[in-house]
Amino acid sequence: MSGNKSIKELPYRLGLLGVSILFIISAYYGCGASTQEVAKTEKKETISQATKDSIRKRQVDIDFNTAYFEYYSHKRYKEAVPFYWKAINNDKEVRYTGMFQQLGQCYIEMEEPDSAQLVYEAGFKLKTDDRYMHEKLQWIYEAKLEIDKAIEEANIIIELGGDEDVYLMKLKNLYVRNDQIDEAIETYDKLIAKDPDNKELQDQKTNLIKLSGGSVIDEYKKLHEQYPEDKKYIEALLVEYSRDNDDANTLMMADKLLALEPENVLALDKKADSYANLQKWRERIDVMKRKLEITGNNAAILTDIAESYNYLKNYRTARTYANRALKVDSNYGMAYIRIGEAYEYCVEDVVSKKGGFLKMTFDDKLIYEVAYNQYRRASKYPDSAEMAAIRMNAVRPLMPTKEDKFMNPDKKKATNPAYRWIY
């Protein structure tokens, strides 16, 4: 019975199986048709995008050529600008970096540096190693006094193979303007290394060191060694050694300069100053007399000689030279100072030999009064007023008092033989 049932259900089961097979086939072939359609659609879209890109690129070419050949090359910069911008905006592959160069130049020619700056800065985002744009941007930054940026650009240009000589020259000035003295000096060193015989660069570097408060002696020593006969560097060393009170080297440089120029007054002055520092008064006198032979009678020189004779305790000769100075210039107050000092130093010597100020007599006080009168005369002149005031204050307490004069009514001059030369 069950076997008959199975036979009866067989057609039904075969029908279901057929339906299923048809469904699967239909589904399979249905999907296959859909995939092919998608592929065709994608192919059409790809072709369409390629066409669009081709058209866009062609338009970039047209706009770029129009900008350059029709306008830029004919210096019609304002008309070129919109075509350059259209080309730049459409040039997605960045095939023409030169457009940034040319558009920036358009703005420069139109005197719109801010716009040029924006163009070059935009161009760097696409091509950072474009030296031309760096050079233009460096120029713009420098013109706008954006010194930090100008320095940065100049260094980049050198790294990119730009003219090192040109941009090192720019950098040395930019560093100075930006108060970057160490960097400026380093830049000078690079330039000098490339051109060791360039005195102008060497002098500029030395002056920079001097202006910044640094010591320039080492620099001048190098230059003197390089150019031993150049008196400029001998003079420079002479002045620097003198400023530092380096008397041994001052005298050496003074002699070198005098060997080249026997009548060089600067060398004689510095030599005389060094001898004064060393308290070599006779040597100083010899130098000053040599200067006197060159310049002729000069109140200042004669007075300096008088000072030296005072230190040598040759007071009479000191006064002689001071009086000669007053004959040259009766208003030269320092001559009166030196005469007053001759009297003051003389009385100090006399009092010292007697045992000090406790042994001072009326004679001695009278000489202090004579010295005071010379200082008072000196106080009338601007060149000596300050020193005169100091010396007057120093000797005033040592002058005769009213009581001293009351006790010596008839004595107007000192009678001590040591003071006879004064009268």
Protein backbone atom coordinates (compact mmCIF):
# COMPACT_ATOMS: atom_id res chain seq x y z
CA MET A 1 0.00 0.00 0.00
CA SER A 2 2.81 2.37 0.89
CA GLY A 3 4.57 1.54 -2.41
CA ASN A 4 1.50 2.59 -4.40
CA LYS A 5 1.41 5.90 -2.46
CA SER A 6 5.00 6.68 -3.34
CA ILE A 7 4.31 5.98 -7.03
CA LYS A 8 1.34 8.30 -6.99
CA GLU A 9 3.40 11.19 -5.38
CA LEU A 10 6.30 10.90 -7.89
CA PRO A 11 4.80 13.18 -10.58
CA TYR A 12 4.19 15.85 -7.93
CA ARG A 13 7.76 15.67 -6.65
CA LEU A 14 9.15 15.81 -10.19
CA GLY A 15 7.06 18.90 -10.81
CA LEU A 16 8.46 20.62 -7.73
CA LEU A 17 11.95 19.69 -8.79
CA GLY A 18 11.41 21.18 -12.22
CA VAL A 19 10.08 24.37 -10.80
CA SER A 20 13.12 24.67 -8.55
CA ILE A 21 15.50 24.03 -11.40
CA LEU A 22 13.76 26.64 -13.52
CA PHE A 23 13.96 29.14 -10.67
CA ILE A 24 17.65 28.52 -10.18
CA ILE A 25 18.37 28.82 -13.89
CA SER A 26 16.30 31.95 -14.10
CA ALA A 27 18.04 33.45 -11.13
CA TYR A 28 21.45 32.53 -12.50
CA TYR A 29 20.82 33.95 -15.91
CA GLY A 30 19.08 36.95 -14.41
CA CYS A 31 22.11 37.79 -12.29
CA GLY A 32 24.42 37.26 -15.21
CA ALA A 33 22.51 39.78 -17.24
CA SER A 34 22.66 42.35 -14.39
CA THR A 35 26.49 42.04 -14.00
CA GLN A 36 27.03 42.57 -17.68
CA GLU A 37 24.90 45.69 -17.59
CA VAL A 38 26.89 47.09 -14.68
CA ALA A 39 30.16 46.42 -16.50
CA LYS A 40 28.84 48.18 -19.57
CA THR A 41 27.71 51.14 -17.47
CA GLU A 42 31.06 51.40 -15.70
CA LYS A 43 32.85 51.26 -19.03
CA LYS A 44 30.70 54.06 -20.35
CA GLU A 45 31.39 56.16 -17.22
CA THR A 46 35.14 55.51 -17.50
CA ILE A 47 35.11 56.57 -21.12
CA SER A 48 33.09 59.62 -20.16
CA GLN A 49 35.52 60.65 -17.35
CA ALA A 50 38.53 60.11 -19.62
CA THR A 51 36.84 62.30 -22.19
CA LYS A 52 36.16 64.92 -19.56
CA ASP A 53 39.80 64.81 -18.38
CA SER A 54 41.01 65.08 -21.93
CA ILE A 55 38.77 68.08 -22.56
CA ARG A 56 39.88 69.64 -19.25
CA LYS A 57 43.55 69.15 -20.07
CA ARG A 58 42.98 70.54 -23.53
CA GLN A 59 41.34 73.59 -21.98
CA VAL A 60 44.32 74.01 -19.63
CA ASP A 61 46.59 74.03 -22.69
CA ILE A 62 44.39 76.59 -24.41
CA ASP A 63 44.17 78.89 -21.37
CA PHE A 64 47.89 78.61 -20.63
CA ASN A 65 48.85 79.33 -24.24
CA THR A 66 46.40 82.20 -24.41
CA ALA A 67 47.76 83.68 -21.18
CA TYR A 68 51.36 83.37 -22.28
CA PHE A 69 51.44 83.91 -26.03
CA GLU A 70 48.65 86.45 -26.40
CA TYR A 71 49.14 88.49 -23.25
CA TYR A 72 52.15 87.73 -21.02
CA SER A 73 54.74 87.73 -23.81
CA HIS A 74 53.32 91.08 -24.96
CA LYS A 75 53.45 92.50 -21.42
CA ARG A 76 49.67 92.65 -21.20
CA TYR A 77 49.82 91.30 -17.65
CA LYS A 78 46.40 92.29 -16.41
CA GLU A 79 44.69 90.49 -19.31
CA ALA A 80 46.82 87.41 -18.78
CA VAL A 81 45.83 86.99 -15.11
CA PRO A 82 42.32 85.44 -15.52
CA PHE A 83 43.58 82.92 -18.08
CA TYR A 84 46.40 81.86 -15.78
CA TRP A 85 43.97 81.39 -12.91
CA LYS A 86 41.63 79.26 -15.09
CA ALA A 87 44.56 77.13 -16.20
CA ILE A 88 45.89 76.73 -12.64
CA ASN A 89 42.49 75.74 -11.25
CA ASN A 90 42.02 73.10 -13.96
CA ASP A 91 45.58 71.79 -14.01
CA LYS A 92 44.95 69.09 -11.43
CA GLU A 93 47.99 67.09 -12.53
CA VAL A 94 50.21 70.18 -12.08
CA ARG A 95 51.71 69.85 -15.55
CA TYR A 96 52.65 73.52 -15.76
CA THR A 97 54.37 74.78 -12.59
CA GLY A 98 55.69 77.64 -14.69
CA MET A 99 52.22 79.16 -14.56
CA PHE A 100 52.79 80.10 -10.92
CA GLN A 101 56.03 81.81 -11.90
CA GLN A 102 54.39 83.76 -14.69
CA LEU A 103 51.23 84.66 -12.77
CA GLY A 104 53.34 85.87 -9.87
CA GLN A 105 55.40 87.97 -12.26
CA CYS A 106 52.19 89.46 -13.64
CA TYR A 107 51.26 90.68 -10.17
CA ILE A 108 54.77 92.04 -9.63
CA GLU A 109 54.56 93.96 -12.90
CA MET A 110 51.13 95.22 -11.81
CA GLU A 111 52.72 96.35 -8.51
CA GLU A 112 50.65 93.96 -6.45
CA PRO A 113 53.33 92.15 -4.41
CA ASP A 114 50.81 90.75 -1.91
CA SER A 115 49.01 88.90 -4.68
CA ALA A 116 52.32 87.69 -6.10
CA GLN A 117 53.25 86.41 -2.67
CA LEU A 118 50.02 84.41 -2.42
CA VAL A 119 50.65 82.88 -5.83
CA TYR A 120 54.20 81.80 -5.01
CA GLU A 121 53.21 80.44 -1.62
CA ALA A 122 50.43 78.43 -3.30
CA GLY A 123 52.91 77.18 -5.85
CA PHE A 124 55.22 75.85 -3.12
CA LYS A 125 52.48 73.51 -1.91
CA LEU A 126 52.72 71.78 -5.28
CA LYS A 127 56.42 72.21 -6.08
CA THR A 128 58.62 73.07 -3.10
CA ASP A 129 61.92 73.00 -5.01
CA ASP A 130 61.06 75.67 -7.58
CA ARG A 131 64.04 78.00 -7.15
CA TYR A 132 62.55 80.72 -9.31
CA MET A 133 59.56 81.14 -7.00
CA HIS A 134 61.81 81.10 -3.94
CA GLU A 135 63.92 83.84 -5.49
CA LYS A 136 60.87 85.97 -6.23
CA LEU A 137 59.38 85.38 -2.82
CA GLN A 138 62.70 86.24 -1.15
CA TRP A 139 62.70 89.52 -3.03
CA ILE A 140 59.11 90.24 -1.93
CA TYR A 141 59.81 89.44 1.73
CA GLU A 142 62.87 91.66 1.70
CA ALA A 143 60.94 94.51 0.09
CA LYS A 144 58.18 94.14 2.70
CA LEU A 145 60.78 94.09 5.51
CA GLU A 146 59.74 90.59 6.56
CA ILE A 147 63.37 89.91 7.34
CA ASP A 148 63.00 86.52 9.04
CA LYS A 149 61.20 85.11 6.01
CA ALA A 150 63.65 86.77 3.61
CA ILE A 151 66.54 85.10 5.46
CA GLU A 152 64.81 81.72 5.35
CA GLU A 153 64.20 82.01 1.61
CA ALA A 154 67.79 83.08 0.90
CA ASN A 155 69.11 80.00 2.69
CA ILE A 156 66.68 77.75 0.78
CA ILE A 157 67.81 79.27 -2.52
CA ILE A 158 71.45 78.46 -1.71
CA GLU A 159 70.45 74.88 -0.82
CA LEU A 160 68.64 74.61 -4.15
CA GLY A 161 71.78 75.59 -6.03
CA GLY A 162 71.18 79.32 -6.39
CA ASP A 163 74.03 81.78 -6.86
CA GLU A 164 75.81 81.40 -3.52
CA ASP A 165 77.84 84.59 -3.88
CA VAL A 166 74.74 86.67 -4.52
CA TYR A 167 72.69 85.24 -1.68
CA LEU A 168 75.52 85.22 0.85
CA MET A 169 75.91 88.93 0.12
CA LYS A 170 72.19 89.35 0.74
CA LEU A 171 72.32 87.26 3.89
CA LYS A 172 75.12 89.23 5.53
CA ASN A 173 73.06 92.40 5.19
CA LEU A 174 69.82 90.74 6.25
CA TYR A 175 71.44 89.28 9.37
CA VAL A 176 72.77 92.71 10.31
CA ARG A 177 69.35 94.27 9.79
CA ASN A 178 67.86 91.54 11.95
CA ASP A 179 70.49 92.09 14.66
CA GLN A 180 71.83 88.55 14.18
CA ILE A 181 75.46 89.60 14.49
CA ASP A 182 76.96 86.13 15.00
CA GLU A 183 75.21 84.83 11.88
CA ALA A 184 76.32 87.90 9.93
CA ILE A 185 79.95 87.35 10.97
CA GLU A 186 79.74 83.67 9.97
CA THR A 187 78.40 84.75 6.58
CA TYR A 188 81.25 87.22 6.17
CA ASP A 189 83.68 84.38 6.94
CA LYS A 190 82.13 82.28 4.14
CA LEU A 191 82.46 85.16 1.69
CA ILE A 192 86.03 85.93 2.73
CA ALA A 193 86.96 82.25 2.39
CA LYS A 194 85.77 82.45 -1.22
CA ASP A 195 87.61 85.73 -1.84
CA PRO A 196 90.54 86.05 0.62
CA ASP A 197 91.92 89.21 -1.01
CA ASN A 198 88.70 91.19 -0.68
CA LYS A 199 89.72 93.94 1.75
CA GLU A 200 86.31 95.56 1.60
CA LEU A 201 84.62 92.46 3.00
CA GLN A 202 87.31 92.08 5.64
CA ASP A 203 86.92 95.71 6.71
CA GLN A 204 83.14 95.40 6.84
CA LYS A 205 83.40 92.34 9.05
CA THR A 206 85.86 94.07 11.38
CA ASN A 207 83.69 97.17 11.63
CA LEU A 208 80.69 94.98 12.40
CA ILE A 209 82.58 93.32 15.25
CA LYS A 210 83.62 96.74 16.53
CA LEU A 211 80.09 98.17 16.36
CA SER A 212 78.73 95.16 18.21
CA GLY A 213 81.17 95.76 21.06
CA GLY A 214 83.48 92.86 20.29
CA SER A 215 87.28 92.83 20.24
CA VAL A 216 88.72 93.43 16.80
CA ILE A 217 92.38 93.04 17.66
CA ASP A 218 92.55 89.46 16.40
CA GLU A 219 90.91 90.50 13.12
CA TYR A 220 93.34 93.38 12.63
CA LYS A 221 96.28 91.13 13.50
CA LYS A 222 95.23 88.72 10.75
CA LEU A 223 94.87 91.57 8.28
CA HIS A 224 98.23 93.04 9.30
CA GLU A 225 99.90 89.68 8.77
CA GLN A 226 98.22 89.42 5.38
CA TYR A 227 99.05 93.02 4.38
CA PRO A 228 102.11 93.99 6.47
CA GLU A 229 102.76 97.21 4.53
CA ASP A 230 99.19 98.48 4.66
CA LYS A 231 99.31 101.33 7.16
CA LYS A 232 95.54 101.22 7.61
CA TYR A 233 95.79 98.01 9.60
CA ILE A 234 98.84 99.21 11.52
CA GLU A 235 96.91 102.33 12.50
CA ALA A 236 93.92 100.23 13.47
CA LEU A 237 96.03 98.00 15.71
CA LEU A 238 97.74 101.07 17.14
CA VAL A 239 94.40 102.58 18.14
CA GLU A 240 93.08 99.31 19.59
CA TYR A 241 96.22 98.60 21.61
CA SER A 242 96.21 102.16 22.88
CA ARG A 243 92.55 101.85 23.89
CA ASP A 244 93.40 98.72 25.86
CA ASN A 245 96.41 100.45 27.49
CA ASP A 246 98.64 97.78 25.98
CA ASP A 247 101.66 100.08 25.94
CA ALA A 248 104.21 97.55 24.69
CA ASN A 249 102.19 96.75 21.57
CA THR A 250 101.17 100.39 21.15
CA LEU A 251 104.82 101.42 21.00
CA MET A 252 105.59 98.60 18.57
CA MET A 253 102.78 99.61 16.19
CA ALA A 254 103.70 103.30 16.52
CA ASP A 255 107.28 102.51 15.48
CA LYS A 256 106.04 100.43 12.53
CA LEU A 257 103.86 103.29 11.40
CA LEU A 258 106.66 105.84 11.83
CA ALA A 259 108.95 103.62 9.77
CA LEU A 260 106.45 103.96 6.93
CA GLU A 261 105.54 107.59 7.67
CA PRO A 262 108.13 109.39 9.84
CA GLU A 263 105.83 112.36 10.34
CA ASN A 264 102.68 110.44 11.28
CA VAL A 265 101.17 112.53 14.07
CA LEU A 266 98.81 109.77 15.26
CA ALA A 267 101.77 107.47 15.87
CA LEU A 268 103.59 110.21 17.79
CA ASP A 269 100.52 110.94 19.91
CA LYS A 270 99.94 107.29 20.83
CA LYS A 271 103.62 106.81 21.52
CA ALA A 272 103.65 109.84 23.81
CA ASP A 273 100.56 108.55 25.63
CA SER A 274 102.20 105.16 26.21
CA TYR A 275 105.33 106.79 27.58
CA ALA A 276 103.13 108.79 29.93
CA ASN A 277 101.41 105.60 31.11
CA LEU A 278 104.85 104.07 31.69
CA GLN A 279 106.04 107.30 33.39
CA LYS A 280 108.89 107.55 30.92
CA TRP A 281 108.83 111.33 30.88
CA ARG A 282 112.09 111.97 29.04
CA GLU A 283 111.02 109.65 26.22
CA ARG A 284 107.68 111.42 26.12
CA ILE A 285 109.39 114.79 25.88
CA ASP A 286 111.49 113.57 22.93
CA VAL A 287 108.38 112.40 21.11
CA MET A 288 106.51 115.65 21.78
CA LYS A 289 109.47 117.72 20.60
CA ARG A 290 109.50 115.66 17.40
CA LYS A 291 105.82 116.42 16.99
CA LEU A 292 106.56 120.09 17.61
CA GLU A 293 109.08 120.05 14.77
CA ILE A 294 106.39 118.70 12.45
CA THR A 295 103.49 120.93 13.47
CA GLY A 296 105.30 124.08 14.53
CA ASN A 297 104.49 125.92 17.75
CA ASN A 298 101.33 124.46 19.20
CA ALA A 299 99.92 125.42 22.60
CA ALA A 300 98.71 121.91 23.45
CA ILE A 301 102.04 120.26 22.58
CA LEU A 302 104.05 122.88 24.48
CA THR A 303 101.81 122.39 27.50
CA ASP A 304 102.24 118.61 27.37
CA ILE A 305 105.99 119.08 27.36
CA ALA A 306 105.60 121.36 30.39
CA GLU A 307 103.66 118.62 32.18
CA SER A 308 106.44 116.10 31.56
CA TYR A 309 109.08 118.48 32.92
CA ASN A 310 106.96 118.96 36.03
CA TYR A 311 107.04 115.19 36.63
CA LEU A 312 110.81 115.29 36.20
CA LYS A 313 110.89 118.03 38.85
CA ASN A 314 112.39 120.45 36.35
CA TYR A 315 109.91 123.15 37.29
CA ARG A 316 111.69 126.11 35.77
CA THR A 317 111.79 124.46 32.33
CA ALA A 318 108.18 123.39 32.73
CA ARG A 319 107.16 127.00 33.28
CA THR A 320 109.21 128.05 30.26
CA TYR A 321 107.26 125.73 27.96
CA ALA A 322 103.93 126.73 29.52
CA ASN A 323 104.74 130.40 28.91
CA ARG A 324 105.65 129.55 25.32
CA ALA A 325 102.20 127.96 24.99
CA LEU A 326 100.57 131.15 26.27
CA LYS A 327 102.47 133.19 23.68
CA VAL A 328 100.93 130.96 21.02
CA ASP A 329 97.48 131.10 22.62
CA SER A 330 96.95 133.37 25.59
CA ASN A 331 93.56 131.77 26.24
CA TYR A 332 94.88 128.23 26.58
CA GLY A 333 93.93 127.58 30.20
CA MET A 334 95.87 124.34 30.62
CA ALA A 335 99.12 126.32 30.38
CA TYR A 336 98.16 128.15 33.59
CA ILE A 337 97.43 124.78 35.18
CA ARG A 338 100.95 123.55 34.37
CA ILE A 339 102.53 126.74 35.79
CA GLY A 340 100.44 126.38 38.95
CA GLU A 341 101.52 122.73 39.23
CA ALA A 342 105.18 123.73 38.86
CA TYR A 343 104.80 126.01 41.92
CA GLU A 344 102.70 123.51 43.87
CA TYR A 345 105.05 120.58 43.24
CA CYS A 346 108.05 122.74 44.13
CA VAL A 347 106.68 123.71 47.54
CA GLU A 348 105.69 120.09 48.20
CA ASP A 349 109.30 119.05 47.59
CA VAL A 350 110.60 121.73 49.97
CA VAL A 351 108.06 120.87 52.69
CA SER A 352 108.75 117.15 52.30
CA LYS A 353 112.49 117.68 52.82
CA LYS A 354 111.74 119.61 56.00
CA GLY A 355 109.72 116.76 57.44
CA GLY A 356 106.17 117.28 56.20
CA PHE A 357 103.34 119.78 56.50
CA LEU A 358 103.84 120.24 60.23
CA LYS A 359 107.11 121.95 59.32
CA MET A 360 105.47 124.27 56.80
CA THR A 361 106.41 127.96 57.11
CA PHE A 362 104.96 131.25 55.95
CA ASP A 363 107.30 131.10 52.94
CA ASP A 364 105.75 127.82 51.86
CA LYS A 365 102.24 129.17 52.26
CA LEU A 366 103.11 132.14 50.07
CA ILE A 367 104.10 129.77 47.25
CA TYR A 368 100.80 127.88 47.60
CA GLU A 369 99.11 131.26 47.19
CA VAL A 370 101.12 131.89 44.00
CA ALA A 371 100.01 128.49 42.67
CA TYR A 372 96.39 129.24 43.63
CA ASN A 373 96.49 132.45 41.60
CA GLN A 374 97.56 130.49 38.51
CA TYR A 375 94.70 128.04 39.03
CA ARG A 376 92.28 130.92 39.42
CA ARG A 377 93.39 132.28 36.05
CA ALA A 378 92.91 128.84 34.53
CA SER A 379 89.36 128.70 35.92
CA LYS A 380 88.27 131.33 33.40
CA TYR A 381 88.76 129.03 30.42
CA PRO A 382 86.46 126.13 29.44
CA ASP A 383 89.30 123.75 28.67
CA SER A 384 90.73 124.01 32.19
CA ALA A 385 87.90 125.20 34.46
CA GLU A 386 87.13 121.81 35.97
CA MET A 387 90.72 120.95 36.79
CA ALA A 388 91.33 124.46 38.08
CA ALA A 389 88.46 124.10 40.54
CA ILE A 390 89.92 120.83 41.85
CA ARG A 391 93.40 122.29 42.32
CA MET A 392 92.08 125.49 43.96
CA ASN A 393 90.17 123.44 46.50
CA ALA A 394 93.29 121.39 47.19
CA VAL A 395 95.65 124.30 47.90
CA ARG A 396 93.24 126.75 49.51
CA PRO A 397 93.66 125.30 53.04
CA LEU A 398 97.45 125.59 52.68
CA MET A 399 97.52 129.31 51.81
CA PRO A 400 98.39 132.05 54.37
CA THR A 401 95.57 132.88 56.74
CA LYS A 402 94.71 136.41 57.93
CA GLU A 403 96.58 135.66 61.10
CA ASP A 404 99.66 134.57 59.08
CA LYS A 405 99.65 137.83 57.15
CA PHE A 406 99.07 139.86 60.32
CA MET A 407 102.13 138.24 61.85
CA ASN A 408 104.20 138.92 58.69
CA PRO A 409 102.98 142.35 57.55
CA ASP A 410 106.01 143.24 55.46
CA LYS A 411 106.65 139.88 53.83
CA LYS A 412 105.10 139.64 50.38
CA LYS A 413 107.47 137.11 48.80
CA ALA A 414 109.09 133.91 49.98
CA THR A 415 112.76 134.32 50.89
CA ASN A 416 113.70 130.65 50.82
CA PRO A 417 116.39 130.24 48.09
CA ALA A 418 114.50 127.18 46.80
CA TYR A 419 111.77 129.57 45.61
CA ARG A 420 113.98 132.25 44.10
CA TRP A 421 113.36 131.00 40.54
CA ILE A 422 109.63 131.64 40.96
CA TYR A 423 110.10 135.39 41.25
